[in-house]
Amino acid sequence: MDYLDIAGRTFLIFGVANKKSVAFFISQILTEAGAEVVYVVQSDAHKESVSKLFPAADIYTCDVEREEEITKLAADIPKKHPKLHGIVHSIAFANYEEGLKPFHETRRKDFLQSVDISCFSLISIVNAFKDILDEKASVVTISISATRIAAEPYGWMAPVKAALDSTLCFLAKSFSAFSQVRFNSVNAGLLRTSSSAGIPGYIDYYLYAEQITLRKRAIETKEAANAVAFLLSDRSSGINAQGIIVDCGMSTNYFDKDIIDRAMRP
């Protein structure tokens, strides 16, 4: 028997953009395990590109900044998929069009837009879909391994992810009043995705992070996706309101001797 035991179950995935997306790897794992995957993308342009990756899949569009589109999506999907066993929220956005700036110069509109798309959208989505979620459904979002490390290129997205981490706890508590739906996150180390490529200076931080993993090799996107698949399955039934750190031990190794030696070398 397949360990995940999710064959025949239906999962809704938000956030597939291309083959480098975390959501893409998650969908592959779920499909290989015999689950049915339904996709939600931001626009018709995204739908066209994702349909090339998954020609036979059901793909819906929804701009999560528009509440009415989330409401419509929640009305349309049950017509074909009346029960969902899990939701993957792999959505994040930050407007870096003005380049890297000191954090205190963050624009209000940019910060609030990031909160809306990257955090509040999860609240809107699960509220809209609560009536078709299975009694023991699992909701998983993608966060980051450390929100209290002030990496300049990531800017205001770290505080936004911190808000997302806290939101999970409140959603888990709120839903517990009428269901056993679980809410967790995979808090990944630095990944090589298309979205991360748009962060100013990201590649240097990525290469540094790779050096301070215990294995001296960066986390692979599929490794984060594997953790998501586990959290979506009943094998993780005892885990709720948690963030599972997947960073290859990076957070334990900031005082790596080799890196210290290089930094202190004349």
Protein backbone atom coordinates (compact mmCIF):
# COMPACT_ATOMS: atom_id res chain seq x y z
CA MET A 1 0.00 0.00 0.00
CA ASP A 2 1.17 3.51 -0.81
CA TYR A 3 2.37 5.16 2.39
CA LEU A 4 0.41 8.39 1.87
CA ASP A 5 -2.81 6.47 1.24
CA ILE A 6 -4.40 9.37 -0.67
CA ALA A 7 -5.50 7.57 -3.83
CA GLY A 8 -8.93 8.75 -4.94
CA ARG A 9 -8.85 11.90 -2.82
CA THR A 10 -9.24 15.38 -4.29
CA PHE A 11 -6.89 18.26 -3.59
CA LEU A 12 -7.11 21.87 -4.64
CA ILE A 13 -3.79 23.55 -5.40
CA PHE A 14 -3.27 27.29 -5.67
CA GLY A 15 -0.05 28.62 -7.13
CA VAL A 16 1.36 26.48 -9.93
CA ALA A 17 3.22 28.79 -12.30
CA ASN A 18 5.80 26.57 -14.02
CA LYS A 19 7.96 23.48 -13.53
CA LYS A 20 10.05 25.22 -10.86
CA SER A 21 7.07 25.99 -8.62
CA VAL A 22 6.72 24.27 -5.27
CA ALA A 23 3.10 23.67 -6.23
CA PHE A 24 4.19 21.88 -9.40
CA PHE A 25 6.23 19.34 -7.44
CA ILE A 26 3.41 18.89 -4.93
CA SER A 27 0.96 18.14 -7.73
CA GLN A 28 3.34 15.59 -9.23
CA ILE A 29 3.66 13.73 -5.92
CA LEU A 30 -0.10 13.72 -5.33
CA THR A 31 -0.87 12.58 -8.86
CA GLU A 32 1.69 9.77 -8.69
CA ALA A 33 0.00 8.64 -5.46
CA GLY A 34 -3.33 8.36 -7.25
CA ALA A 35 -4.97 11.56 -6.02
CA GLU A 36 -7.02 13.91 -8.15
CA VAL A 37 -5.57 17.41 -8.37
CA VAL A 38 -7.56 20.51 -9.25
CA TYR A 39 -5.60 23.66 -10.07
CA VAL A 40 -6.24 27.35 -9.47
CA VAL A 41 -4.10 29.95 -11.21
CA GLN A 42 -4.17 33.72 -11.26
CA SER A 43 -5.10 34.50 -14.85
CA ASP A 44 -6.01 33.13 -18.28
CA ALA A 45 -2.36 33.49 -19.31
CA HIS A 46 -1.30 31.30 -16.39
CA LYS A 47 -4.08 28.85 -17.23
CA GLU A 48 -2.76 28.49 -20.76
CA SER A 49 0.79 27.75 -19.60
CA VAL A 50 -0.27 25.38 -16.80
CA SER A 51 -2.58 23.49 -19.16
CA LYS A 52 0.51 22.57 -21.16
CA LEU A 53 1.98 20.99 -18.03
CA PHE A 54 -1.23 19.17 -17.11
CA PRO A 55 -3.27 18.77 -20.34
CA ALA A 56 -6.08 16.70 -18.81
CA ALA A 57 -6.43 18.65 -15.55
CA ASP A 58 -9.22 20.88 -14.35
CA ILE A 59 -7.78 24.38 -14.13
CA TYR A 60 -9.65 27.39 -12.77
CA THR A 61 -8.65 31.04 -12.64
CA CYS A 62 -8.91 33.28 -9.61
CA ASP A 63 -7.23 36.54 -8.67
CA VAL A 64 -7.17 36.25 -4.88
CA GLU A 65 -7.02 40.03 -4.53
CA ARG A 66 -10.64 40.02 -5.69
CA GLU A 67 -12.97 38.59 -3.08
CA GLU A 68 -15.74 38.13 -5.61
CA GLU A 69 -13.52 35.81 -7.67
CA ILE A 70 -12.84 33.62 -4.64
CA THR A 71 -16.58 33.46 -3.98
CA LYS A 72 -17.27 32.51 -7.60
CA LEU A 73 -14.55 29.87 -7.53
CA ALA A 74 -16.07 28.30 -4.43
CA ALA A 75 -19.40 28.14 -6.25
CA ASP A 76 -17.98 26.69 -9.48
CA ILE A 77 -15.67 23.94 -8.22
CA PRO A 78 -18.30 21.92 -6.27
CA LYS A 79 -20.27 21.47 -9.50
CA LYS A 80 -17.63 18.92 -10.51
CA HIS A 81 -15.77 18.32 -7.26
CA PRO A 82 -18.24 18.26 -4.37
CA LYS A 83 -15.70 17.23 -1.73
CA LEU A 84 -12.14 18.42 -1.13
CA HIS A 85 -9.72 16.49 1.05
CA GLY A 86 -7.12 19.19 1.12
CA ILE A 87 -6.04 22.63 -0.07
CA VAL A 88 -2.52 23.78 -0.90
CA HIS A 89 -1.92 27.51 -0.60
CA SER A 90 1.31 28.25 -2.46
CA ILE A 91 0.74 31.93 -3.15
CA ALA A 92 3.02 34.84 -2.38
CA PHE A 93 3.77 38.17 -3.97
CA ALA A 94 5.96 41.18 -3.30
CA ASN A 95 6.37 44.16 -5.59
CA TYR A 96 10.12 44.66 -6.01
CA GLU A 97 9.83 46.90 -9.07
CA GLU A 98 11.69 49.74 -7.35
CA GLY A 99 14.58 47.49 -6.39
CA LEU A 100 16.14 46.93 -3.01
CA LYS A 101 15.39 49.59 -0.39
CA PRO A 102 15.95 49.87 3.36
CA PHE A 103 13.10 48.20 5.21
CA HIS A 104 11.92 51.45 6.81
CA GLU A 105 11.24 52.83 3.33
CA THR A 106 8.73 50.09 2.55
CA ARG A 107 5.68 51.57 0.85
CA ARG A 108 2.35 51.05 2.57
CA LYS A 109 0.65 49.87 -0.61
CA ASP A 110 3.36 47.28 -1.30
CA PHE A 111 3.25 45.92 2.25
CA LEU A 112 -0.54 45.70 2.34
CA GLN A 113 -0.72 44.11 -1.10
CA SER A 114 1.72 41.42 0.03
CA VAL A 115 -0.33 40.78 3.17
CA ASP A 116 -3.49 40.53 1.08
CA ILE A 117 -2.09 38.08 -1.48
CA SER A 118 0.33 36.09 0.66
CA CYS A 119 -1.60 35.85 3.91
CA PHE A 120 -5.19 37.06 3.94
CA SER A 121 -5.95 35.07 0.80
CA LEU A 122 -5.63 31.89 2.87
CA ILE A 123 -8.34 33.10 5.25
CA SER A 124 -10.62 34.05 2.35
CA ILE A 125 -10.08 30.75 0.55
CA VAL A 126 -10.75 28.41 3.46
CA ASN A 127 -13.76 30.43 4.53
CA ALA A 128 -15.21 30.22 1.04
CA PHE A 129 -14.55 26.47 0.77
CA LYS A 130 -15.37 25.39 4.32
CA ASP A 131 -18.65 23.72 3.35
CA ILE A 132 -17.04 21.33 0.87
CA LEU A 133 -13.96 20.48 2.88
CA ASP A 134 -13.92 16.94 4.18
CA GLU A 135 -14.41 16.65 7.94
CA LYS A 136 -10.72 15.72 8.29
CA ALA A 137 -9.28 17.76 5.44
CA SER A 138 -5.78 19.18 5.57
CA VAL A 139 -4.79 22.70 4.53
CA VAL A 140 -1.11 23.40 3.91
CA THR A 141 0.60 26.67 3.05
CA ILE A 142 4.21 27.50 2.18
CA SER A 143 6.17 29.70 4.55
CA ILE A 144 9.87 30.34 5.19
CA SER A 145 12.26 28.72 7.64
CA ALA A 146 12.99 31.86 9.68
CA THR A 147 11.02 35.10 9.89
CA ARG A 148 13.27 36.73 12.49
CA ILE A 149 16.41 36.78 10.35
CA ALA A 150 16.58 40.18 8.67
CA ALA A 151 17.73 39.28 5.16
CA GLU A 152 17.61 42.60 3.33
CA PRO A 153 16.58 41.31 -0.12
CA TYR A 154 13.49 39.58 1.27
CA GLY A 155 12.35 42.83 2.85
CA TRP A 156 8.79 43.05 4.07
CA MET A 157 7.91 39.52 2.96
CA ALA A 158 9.42 38.07 6.14
CA PRO A 159 6.96 40.00 8.39
CA VAL A 160 4.17 38.94 6.01
CA LYS A 161 5.21 35.29 6.34
CA ALA A 162 5.28 35.74 10.12
CA ALA A 163 1.66 36.87 9.87
CA LEU A 164 0.91 33.78 7.79
CA ASP A 165 2.49 31.53 10.43
CA SER A 166 0.30 33.08 13.13
CA THR A 167 -2.78 32.90 10.92
CA LEU A 168 -2.49 29.10 10.80
CA CYS A 169 -2.95 28.87 14.56
CA PHE A 170 -6.06 31.01 14.54
CA LEU A 171 -7.58 29.14 11.59
CA ALA A 172 -6.92 25.78 13.26
CA LYS A 173 -8.59 26.98 16.44
CA SER A 174 -11.52 28.56 14.61
CA PHE A 175 -12.23 25.49 12.44
CA SER A 176 -11.97 23.17 15.43
CA ALA A 177 -15.37 24.43 16.57
CA PHE A 178 -17.08 22.50 13.77
CA SER A 179 -14.55 20.17 12.14
CA GLN A 180 -11.24 18.35 12.40
CA VAL A 181 -9.67 20.25 9.50
CA ARG A 182 -5.95 20.77 10.09
CA PHE A 183 -3.83 23.79 9.16
CA ASN A 184 -0.06 23.53 8.81
CA SER A 185 2.79 25.03 6.87
CA VAL A 186 6.03 23.86 5.35
CA ASN A 187 8.63 26.43 6.30
CA ALA A 188 11.24 25.95 3.63
CA GLY A 189 14.80 27.15 3.42
CA LEU A 190 15.93 29.08 0.36
CA LEU A 191 14.62 27.53 -2.86
CA ARG A 192 15.45 28.06 -6.52
CA THR A 193 12.11 29.01 -8.00
CA SER A 194 11.07 31.52 -10.64
CA SER A 195 9.52 33.78 -8.03
CA SER A 196 12.67 33.82 -5.90
CA ALA A 197 14.67 34.82 -8.97
CA GLY A 198 12.80 38.12 -8.92
CA ILE A 199 14.11 39.04 -5.45
CA PRO A 200 17.03 41.49 -5.70
CA GLY A 201 20.31 39.89 -4.64
CA TYR A 202 18.66 36.55 -3.91
CA ILE A 203 21.26 34.36 -5.60
CA ASP A 204 24.06 35.40 -3.24
CA TYR A 205 21.88 34.62 -0.22
CA TYR A 206 20.88 31.31 -1.77
CA LEU A 207 24.51 30.30 -2.30
CA TYR A 208 25.39 31.33 1.25
CA ALA A 209 22.43 29.38 2.64
CA GLU A 210 23.63 26.34 0.72
CA GLN A 211 26.99 26.55 2.47
CA ILE A 212 25.46 26.59 5.95
CA THR A 213 23.21 23.59 5.47
CA LEU A 214 24.61 20.62 7.33
CA ARG A 215 24.99 18.67 4.12
CA LYS A 216 26.50 21.63 2.17
CA ARG A 217 23.85 21.21 -0.48
CA ALA A 218 20.75 23.36 -0.84
CA ILE A 219 17.28 22.12 -0.19
CA GLU A 220 15.57 20.84 -3.33
CA THR A 221 12.09 22.08 -4.13
CA LYS A 222 10.84 18.51 -4.26
CA GLU A 223 11.97 18.01 -0.66
CA ALA A 224 9.67 20.80 0.46
CA ALA A 225 6.92 19.31 -1.70
CA ASN A 226 7.38 15.90 -0.06
CA ALA A 227 6.74 17.46 3.34
CA VAL A 228 3.58 19.11 2.00
CA ALA A 229 2.30 15.78 0.68
CA PHE A 230 2.90 14.20 4.08
CA LEU A 231 0.96 16.97 5.82
CA LEU A 232 -1.91 16.52 3.38
CA SER A 233 -2.18 12.83 4.24
CA ASP A 234 -3.67 11.15 7.29
CA ARG A 235 -0.16 10.01 8.20
CA SER A 236 0.24 13.45 9.76
CA SER A 237 -3.14 13.42 11.52
CA GLY A 238 -1.61 14.41 14.86
CA ILE A 239 0.01 17.56 13.47
CA ASN A 240 -2.05 20.76 13.57
CA ALA A 241 -1.27 24.49 13.74
CA GLN A 242 2.42 23.82 13.14
CA GLY A 243 5.17 24.98 10.83
CA ILE A 244 7.43 22.13 9.70
CA ILE A 245 10.92 23.48 9.01
CA VAL A 246 12.57 21.95 5.95
CA ASP A 247 15.98 23.59 5.63
CA CYS A 248 18.55 20.77 5.69
CA GLY A 249 19.69 21.87 9.13
CA MET A 250 20.56 25.41 8.06
CA SER A 251 19.01 26.96 11.16
CA THR A 252 21.39 25.00 13.42
CA ASN A 253 24.56 25.85 11.55
CA TYR A 254 25.01 29.62 11.44
CA PHE A 255 28.37 29.23 13.23
CA ASP A 256 29.82 26.88 10.65
CA LYS A 257 33.57 26.68 11.28
CA ASP A 258 34.60 26.76 7.63
CA ILE A 259 32.56 29.90 6.95
CA ILE A 260 33.85 31.57 10.14
CA ASP A 261 37.42 30.77 9.12
CA ARG A 262 36.89 32.33 5.70
CA ALA A 263 35.18 35.40 7.15
CA MET A 264 37.96 36.02 9.67
CA ARG A 265 40.84 35.29 7.32
CA PRO A 266 42.95 38.43 6.62
